[in-house]
PDB file of N, CA and C in Angstrom:
ATOM      1  N   UNK A   1       0.849  -1.173   0.000  1.00  0.00           N
ATOM      2  CA  UNK A   1       0.000   0.000   0.000  1.00  0.00           C
ATOM      3  C   UNK A   1       0.891   1.231   0.000  1.00  0.00           C
ATOM      4  N   UNK A   2       0.500   2.233  -0.746  1.00  0.00           N
ATOM      5  CA  UNK A   2       1.249   3.488  -0.791  1.00  0.00           C
ATOM      6  C   UNK A   2       0.452   4.559  -0.056  1.00  0.00           C
ATOM      7  N   UNK A   3       1.074   5.149   0.956  1.00  0.00           N
ATOM      8  CA  UNK A   3       0.491   6.287   1.661  1.00  0.00           C
ATOM      9  C   UNK A   3       1.085   7.569   1.091  1.00  0.00           C
ATOM     10  N   UNK A   4       0.369   8.656   1.224  1.00  0.00           N
ATOM     11  CA  UNK A   4       0.874   9.939   0.748  1.00  0.00           C
ATOM     12  C   UNK A   4       2.043  10.407   1.614  1.00  0.00           C
ATOM     13  N   UNK A   5       1.893  10.312   2.932  1.00  0.00           N
ATOM     14  CA  UNK A   5       2.939  10.740   3.862  1.00  0.00           C
ATOM     15  C   UNK A   5       3.405   9.546   4.696  1.00  0.00           C
ATOM     16  N   UNK A   6       4.617   9.613   5.239  1.00  0.00           N
ATOM     17  CA  UNK A   6       5.120   8.503   6.065  1.00  0.00           C
ATOM     18  C   UNK A   6       4.228   8.236   7.271  1.00  0.00           C
ATOM     19  N   UNK A   7       4.063   6.959   7.583  1.00  0.00           N
ATOM     20  CA  UNK A   7       3.323   6.536   8.783  1.00  0.00           C
ATOM     21  C   UNK A   7       4.184   5.483   9.467  1.00  0.00           C
ATOM     22  N   UNK A   8       5.063   5.899  10.376  1.00  0.00           N
ATOM     23  CA  UNK A   8       6.007   4.977  11.002  1.00  0.00           C
ATOM     24  C   UNK A   8       5.357   3.777  11.687  1.00  0.00           C
ATOM     25  N   UNK A   9       4.121   3.933  12.145  1.00  0.00           N
ATOM     26  CA  UNK A   9       3.450   2.844  12.848  1.00  0.00           C
ATOM     27  C   UNK A   9       2.917   1.760  11.903  1.00  0.00           C
ATOM     28  N   UNK A  10       2.958   2.032  10.592  1.00  0.00           N
ATOM     29  CA  UNK A  10       2.460   1.080   9.596  1.00  0.00           C
ATOM     30  C   UNK A  10       3.586   0.755   8.622  1.00  0.00           C
ATOM     31  N   UNK A  11       3.805  -0.520   8.374  1.00  0.00           N
ATOM     32  CA  UNK A  11       4.909  -0.956   7.518  1.00  0.00           C
ATOM     33  C   UNK A  11       4.493  -0.970   6.043  1.00  0.00           C
ATOM     34  N   UNK A  12       4.318   0.230   5.481  1.00  0.00           N
ATOM     35  CA  UNK A  12       3.975   0.388   4.070  1.00  0.00           C
ATOM     36  C   UNK A  12       4.781   1.555   3.504  1.00  0.00           C
ATOM     37  N   UNK A  13       4.880   1.602   2.188  1.00  0.00           N
ATOM     38  CA  UNK A  13       5.598   2.686   1.527  1.00  0.00           C
ATOM     39  C   UNK A  13       4.801   3.984   1.559  1.00  0.00           C
ATOM     40  N   UNK A  14       5.526   5.088   1.531  1.00  0.00           N
ATOM     41  CA  UNK A  14       4.902   6.388   1.325  1.00  0.00           C
ATOM     42  C   UNK A  14       5.455   6.934   0.002  1.00  0.00           C
ATOM     43  N   UNK A  15       4.923   8.035  -0.440  1.00  0.00           N
ATOM     44  CA  UNK A  15       5.327   8.589  -1.721  1.00  0.00           C
ATOM     45  C   UNK A  15       6.822   8.919  -1.766  1.00  0.00           C
ATOM     46  N   UNK A  16       7.397   9.365  -0.667  1.00  0.00           N
ATOM     47  CA  UNK A  16       8.836   9.644  -0.630  1.00  0.00           C
ATOM     48  C   UNK A  16       9.656   8.365  -0.807  1.00  0.00           C
ATOM     49  N   UNK A  17       9.177   7.254  -0.232  1.00  0.00           N
ATOM     50  CA  UNK A  17       9.853   5.961  -0.413  1.00  0.00           C
ATOM     51  C   UNK A  17       9.820   5.550  -1.880  1.00  0.00           C
ATOM     52  N   UNK A  18       8.665   5.717  -2.492  1.00  0.00           N
ATOM     53  CA  UNK A  18       8.498   5.357  -3.903  1.00  0.00           C
ATOM     54  C   UNK A  18       9.424   6.201  -4.772  1.00  0.00           C
ATOM     55  N   UNK A  19       9.485   7.488  -4.502  1.00  0.00           N
ATOM     56  CA  UNK A  19      10.371   8.382  -5.258  1.00  0.00           C
ATOM     57  C   UNK A  19      11.823   7.917  -5.146  1.00  0.00           C
ATOM     58  N   UNK A  20      12.243   7.569  -3.945  1.00  0.00           N
ATOM     59  CA  UNK A  20      13.612   7.108  -3.729  1.00  0.00           C
ATOM     60  C   UNK A  20      13.886   5.804  -4.482  1.00  0.00           C
ATOM     61  N   UNK A  21      12.940   4.874  -4.438  1.00  0.00           N
ATOM     62  CA  UNK A  21      13.108   3.606  -5.156  1.00  0.00           C
ATOM     63  C   UNK A  21      13.215   3.823  -6.663  1.00  0.00           C
ATOM     64  N   UNK A  22      12.342   4.647  -7.200  1.00  0.00           N
ATOM     65  CA  UNK A  22      12.378   4.904  -8.643  1.00  0.00           C
ATOM     66  C   UNK A  22      13.695   5.577  -9.030  1.00  0.00           C
ATOM     67  N   UNK A  23      14.137   6.537  -8.223  1.00  0.00           N
ATOM     68  CA  UNK A  23      15.403   7.219  -8.497  1.00  0.00           C
ATOM     69  C   UNK A  23      16.571   6.233  -8.479  1.00  0.00           C
ATOM     70  N   UNK A  24      16.581   5.312  -7.518  1.00  0.00           N
ATOM     71  CA  UNK A  24      17.675   4.346  -7.395  1.00  0.00           C
ATOM     72  C   UNK A  24      17.647   3.280  -8.487  1.00  0.00           C
ATOM     73  N   UNK A  25      16.466   2.766  -8.813  1.00  0.00           N
ATOM     74  CA  UNK A  25      16.338   1.668  -9.768  1.00  0.00           C
ATOM     75  C   UNK A  25      16.409   2.146 -11.213  1.00  0.00           C
ATOM     76  N   UNK A  26      15.926   3.352 -11.478  1.00  0.00           N
ATOM     77  CA  UNK A  26      15.935   3.934 -12.831  1.00  0.00           C
ATOM     78  C   UNK A  26      15.204   3.055 -13.859  1.00  0.00           C
ATOM     79  N   UNK A  27      13.945   2.679 -13.587  1.00  0.00           N
ATOM     80  CA  UNK A  27      13.214   1.881 -14.574  1.00  0.00           C
ATOM     81  C   UNK A  27      12.838   2.735 -15.783  1.00  0.00           C
ATOM     82  N   UNK A  28      12.473   2.079 -16.879  1.00  0.00           N
ATOM     83  CA  UNK A  28      11.975   2.816 -18.052  1.00  0.00           C
ATOM     84  C   UNK A  28      10.588   3.369 -17.765  1.00  0.00           C
ATOM     85  N   UNK A  29       9.824   2.632 -16.985  1.00  0.00           N
ATOM     86  CA  UNK A  29       8.456   3.019 -16.648  1.00  0.00           C
ATOM     87  C   UNK A  29       8.136   2.486 -15.256  1.00  0.00           C
ATOM     88  N   UNK A  30       7.387   3.252 -14.469  1.00  0.00           N
ATOM     89  CA  UNK A  30       6.943   2.807 -13.152  1.00  0.00           C
ATOM     90  C   UNK A  30       5.432   3.005 -13.060  1.00  0.00           C
ATOM     91  N   UNK A  31       4.764   2.035 -12.464  1.00  0.00           N
ATOM     92  CA  UNK A  31       3.316   2.125 -12.273  1.00  0.00           C
ATOM     93  C   UNK A  31       3.028   2.016 -10.784  1.00  0.00           C
ATOM     94  N   UNK A  32       2.418   3.039 -10.234  1.00  0.00           N
ATOM     95  CA  UNK A  32       2.057   3.051  -8.824  1.00  0.00           C
ATOM     96  C   UNK A  32       0.740   2.300  -8.642  1.00  0.00           C
ATOM     97  N   UNK A  33       0.675   1.423  -7.650  1.00  0.00           N
ATOM     98  CA  UNK A  33      -0.536   0.640  -7.395  1.00  0.00           C
ATOM     99  C   UNK A  33      -0.843   0.593  -5.903  1.00  0.00           C
ATOM    100  N   UNK A  34      -2.018   0.080  -5.572  1.00  0.00           N
ATOM    101  CA  UNK A  34      -2.425  -0.231  -4.207  1.00  0.00           C
ATOM    102  C   UNK A  34      -2.347   0.994  -3.296  1.00  0.00           C
ATOM    103  N   UNK A  35      -3.232   1.953  -3.542  1.00  0.00           N
ATOM    104  CA  UNK A  35      -3.210   3.234  -2.836  1.00  0.00           C
ATOM    105  C   UNK A  35      -3.989   3.198  -1.531  1.00  0.00           C
ATOM    106  N   UNK A  36      -3.402   3.826  -0.517  1.00  0.00           N
ATOM    107  CA  UNK A  36      -4.127   4.067   0.727  1.00  0.00           C
ATOM    108  C   UNK A  36      -5.024   5.287   0.541  1.00  0.00           C
ATOM    109  N   UNK A  37      -5.922   5.503   1.488  1.00  0.00           N
ATOM    110  CA  UNK A  37      -6.872   6.620   1.373  1.00  0.00           C
ATOM    111  C   UNK A  37      -6.172   7.973   1.297  1.00  0.00           C
ATOM    112  N   UNK A  38      -5.049   8.132   2.010  1.00  0.00           N
ATOM    113  CA  UNK A  38      -4.356   9.425   1.962  1.00  0.00           C
ATOM    114  C   UNK A  38      -3.824   9.687   0.556  1.00  0.00           C
ATOM    115  N   UNK A  39      -3.377   8.637  -0.107  1.00  0.00           N
ATOM    116  CA  UNK A  39      -2.883   8.783  -1.480  1.00  0.00           C
ATOM    117  C   UNK A  39      -4.045   9.047  -2.439  1.00  0.00           C
ATOM    118  N   UNK A  40      -5.162   8.372  -2.242  1.00  0.00           N
ATOM    119  CA  UNK A  40      -6.331   8.616  -3.096  1.00  0.00           C
ATOM    120  C   UNK A  40      -6.799  10.061  -2.977  1.00  0.00           C
ATOM    121  N   UNK A  41      -6.799  10.598  -1.759  1.00  0.00           N
ATOM    122  CA  UNK A  41      -7.194  12.007  -1.574  1.00  0.00           C
ATOM    123  C   UNK A  41      -6.196  12.961  -2.227  1.00  0.00           C
ATOM    124  N   UNK A  42      -4.931  12.542  -2.325  1.00  0.00           N
ATOM    125  CA  UNK A  42      -3.886  13.375  -2.934  1.00  0.00           C
ATOM    126  C   UNK A  42      -3.876  13.241  -4.458  1.00  0.00           C
ATOM    127  N   UNK A  43      -4.812  12.472  -5.014  1.00  0.00           N
ATOM    128  CA  UNK A  43      -4.957  12.273  -6.447  1.00  0.00           C
ATOM    129  C   UNK A  43      -3.711  11.616  -7.058  1.00  0.00           C
ATOM    130  N   UNK A  44      -3.691  10.280  -7.077  1.00  0.00           N
ATOM    131  CA  UNK A  44      -2.526   9.535  -7.547  1.00  0.00           C
ATOM    132  C   UNK A  44      -2.057   9.924  -8.949  1.00  0.00           C
ATOM    133  N   UNK A  45      -2.997  10.271  -9.836  1.00  0.00           N
ATOM    134  CA  UNK A  45      -2.606  10.652 -11.190  1.00  0.00           C
ATOM    135  C   UNK A  45      -1.734  11.912 -11.169  1.00  0.00           C
ATOM    136  N   UNK A  46      -2.095  12.847 -10.323  1.00  0.00           N
ATOM    137  CA  UNK A  46      -1.320  14.093 -10.202  1.00  0.00           C
ATOM    138  C   UNK A  46       0.042  13.796  -9.569  1.00  0.00           C
ATOM    139  N   UNK A  47       0.061  12.960  -8.541  1.00  0.00           N
ATOM    140  CA  UNK A  47       1.323  12.609  -7.881  1.00  0.00           C
ATOM    141  C   UNK A  47       2.256  11.884  -8.853  1.00  0.00           C
ATOM    142  N   UNK A  48       1.701  11.001  -9.682  1.00  0.00           N
ATOM    143  CA  UNK A  48       2.511  10.284 -10.672  1.00  0.00           C
ATOM    144  C   UNK A  48       3.091  11.254 -11.693  1.00  0.00           C
ATOM    145  N   UNK A  49       2.288  12.198 -12.151  1.00  0.00           N
ATOM    146  CA  UNK A  49       2.772  13.197 -13.108  1.00  0.00           C
ATOM    147  C   UNK A  49       3.888  14.041 -12.499  1.00  0.00           C
ATOM    148  N   UNK A  50       3.733  14.427 -11.248  1.00  0.00           N
ATOM    149  CA  UNK A  50       4.774  15.214 -10.573  1.00  0.00           C
ATOM    150  C   UNK A  50       6.062  14.405 -10.434  1.00  0.00           C
ATOM    151  N   UNK A  51       5.942  13.108 -10.113  1.00  0.00           N
ATOM    152  CA  UNK A  51       7.139  12.262 -10.042  1.00  0.00           C
ATOM    153  C   UNK A  51       7.794  12.142 -11.412  1.00  0.00           C
ATOM    154  N   UNK A  52       6.987  11.971 -12.457  1.00  0.00           N
ATOM    155  CA  UNK A  52       7.527  11.889 -13.820  1.00  0.00           C
ATOM    156  C   UNK A  52       8.342  13.126 -14.150  1.00  0.00           C
ATOM    157  N   UNK A  53       7.783  14.281 -13.874  1.00  0.00           N
ATOM    158  CA  UNK A  53       8.470  15.545 -14.169  1.00  0.00           C
ATOM    159  C   UNK A  53       9.738  15.701 -13.338  1.00  0.00           C
ATOM    160  N   UNK A  54       9.667  15.309 -12.091  1.00  0.00           N
ATOM    161  CA  UNK A  54      10.801  15.458 -11.170  1.00  0.00           C
ATOM    162  C   UNK A  54      11.943  14.499 -11.511  1.00  0.00           C
ATOM    163  N   UNK A  55      11.598  13.239 -11.865  1.00  0.00           N
ATOM    164  CA  UNK A  55      12.604  12.204 -12.056  1.00  0.00           C
ATOM    165  C   UNK A  55      12.993  11.972 -13.512  1.00  0.00           C
ATOM    166  N   UNK A  56      12.199  12.479 -14.447  1.00  0.00           N
ATOM    167  CA  UNK A  56      12.482  12.241 -15.854  1.00  0.00           C
ATOM    168  C   UNK A  56      12.230  10.798 -16.267  1.00  0.00           C
ATOM    169  N   UNK A  57      11.366  10.107 -15.533  1.00  0.00           N
ATOM    170  CA  UNK A  57      10.999   8.718 -15.792  1.00  0.00           C
ATOM    171  C   UNK A  57       9.480   8.669 -15.866  1.00  0.00           C
ATOM    172  N   UNK A  58       8.949   7.908 -16.815  1.00  0.00           N
ATOM    173  CA  UNK A  58       7.499   7.797 -16.943  1.00  0.00           C
ATOM    174  C   UNK A  58       6.913   7.075 -15.736  1.00  0.00           C
ATOM    175  N   UNK A  59       6.083   7.779 -14.988  1.00  0.00           N
ATOM    176  CA  UNK A  59       5.408   7.212 -13.821  1.00  0.00           C
ATOM    177  C   UNK A  59       3.911   7.363 -14.042  1.00  0.00           C
ATOM    178  N   UNK A  60       3.182   6.277 -13.868  1.00  0.00           N
ATOM    179  CA  UNK A  60       1.731   6.282 -14.032  1.00  0.00           C
ATOM    180  C   UNK A  60       1.076   5.787 -12.756  1.00  0.00           C
ATOM    181  N   UNK A  61      -0.161   6.213 -12.548  1.00  0.00           N
ATOM    182  CA  UNK A  61      -0.962   5.700 -11.449  1.00  0.00           C
ATOM    183  C   UNK A  61      -1.914   4.655 -12.021  1.00  0.00           C
ATOM    184  N   UNK A  62      -1.916   3.464 -11.446  1.00  0.00           N
ATOM    185  CA  UNK A  62      -2.774   2.387 -11.930  1.00  0.00           C
ATOM    186  C   UNK A  62      -4.241   2.742 -11.692  1.00  0.00           C
ATOM    187  N   UNK A  63      -5.107   2.164 -12.527  1.00  0.00           N
ATOM    188  CA  UNK A  63      -6.550   2.306 -12.359  1.00  0.00           C
ATOM    189  C   UNK A  63      -7.206   1.006 -12.800  1.00  0.00           C
ATOM    190  N   UNK A  64      -8.422   0.776 -12.355  1.00  0.00           N
ATOM    191  CA  UNK A  64      -9.134  -0.454 -12.678  1.00  0.00           C
ATOM    192  C   UNK A  64      -9.241  -0.632 -14.182  1.00  0.00           C
ATOM    193  N   UNK A  65      -8.904  -1.808 -14.657  1.00  0.00           N
ATOM    194  CA  UNK A  65      -8.989  -2.130 -16.074  1.00  0.00           C
ATOM    195  C   UNK A  65      -7.783  -1.680 -16.890  1.00  0.00           C
ATOM    196  N   UNK A  66      -6.794  -1.116 -16.240  1.00  0.00           N
ATOM    197  CA  UNK A  66      -5.609  -0.615 -16.941  1.00  0.00           C
ATOM    198  C   UNK A  66      -4.846  -1.764 -17.585  1.00  0.00           C
ATOM    199  N   UNK A  67      -4.346  -1.536 -18.798  1.00  0.00           N
ATOM    200  CA  UNK A  67      -3.447  -2.485 -19.463  1.00  0.00           C
ATOM    201  C   UNK A  67      -2.159  -1.766 -19.781  1.00  0.00           C
ATOM    202  N   UNK A  68      -1.074  -2.533 -19.819  1.00  0.00           N
ATOM    203  CA  UNK A  68       0.248  -1.965 -20.089  1.00  0.00           C
ATOM    204  C   UNK A  68       0.812  -2.668 -21.310  1.00  0.00           C
ATOM    205  N   UNK A  69       1.263  -1.894 -22.276  1.00  0.00           N
ATOM    206  CA  UNK A  69       1.907  -2.448 -23.460  1.00  0.00           C
ATOM    207  C   UNK A  69       3.413  -2.220 -23.363  1.00  0.00           C
ATOM    208  N   UNK A  70       4.166  -3.277 -23.604  1.00  0.00           N
ATOM    209  CA  UNK A  70       5.629  -3.189 -23.553  1.00  0.00           C
ATOM    210  C   UNK A  70       6.198  -3.193 -24.948  1.00  0.00           C
TER     211      UNK A  70
END
């Protein structure tokens, strides 16, 4: 599950963790999935676009029925 902000009492990723992982791994494309309510309220599509712009890597927010072409 991805939370918008860190929650030390819960062992899940937050958006800063995801940003760090993407920066370190340098994938061609990253798809964010399994959002917590805080992330849903922060609009995952907007957060993914901001990460894309910041990191120079295509980042998308998953949605129901989404397909990925490689």
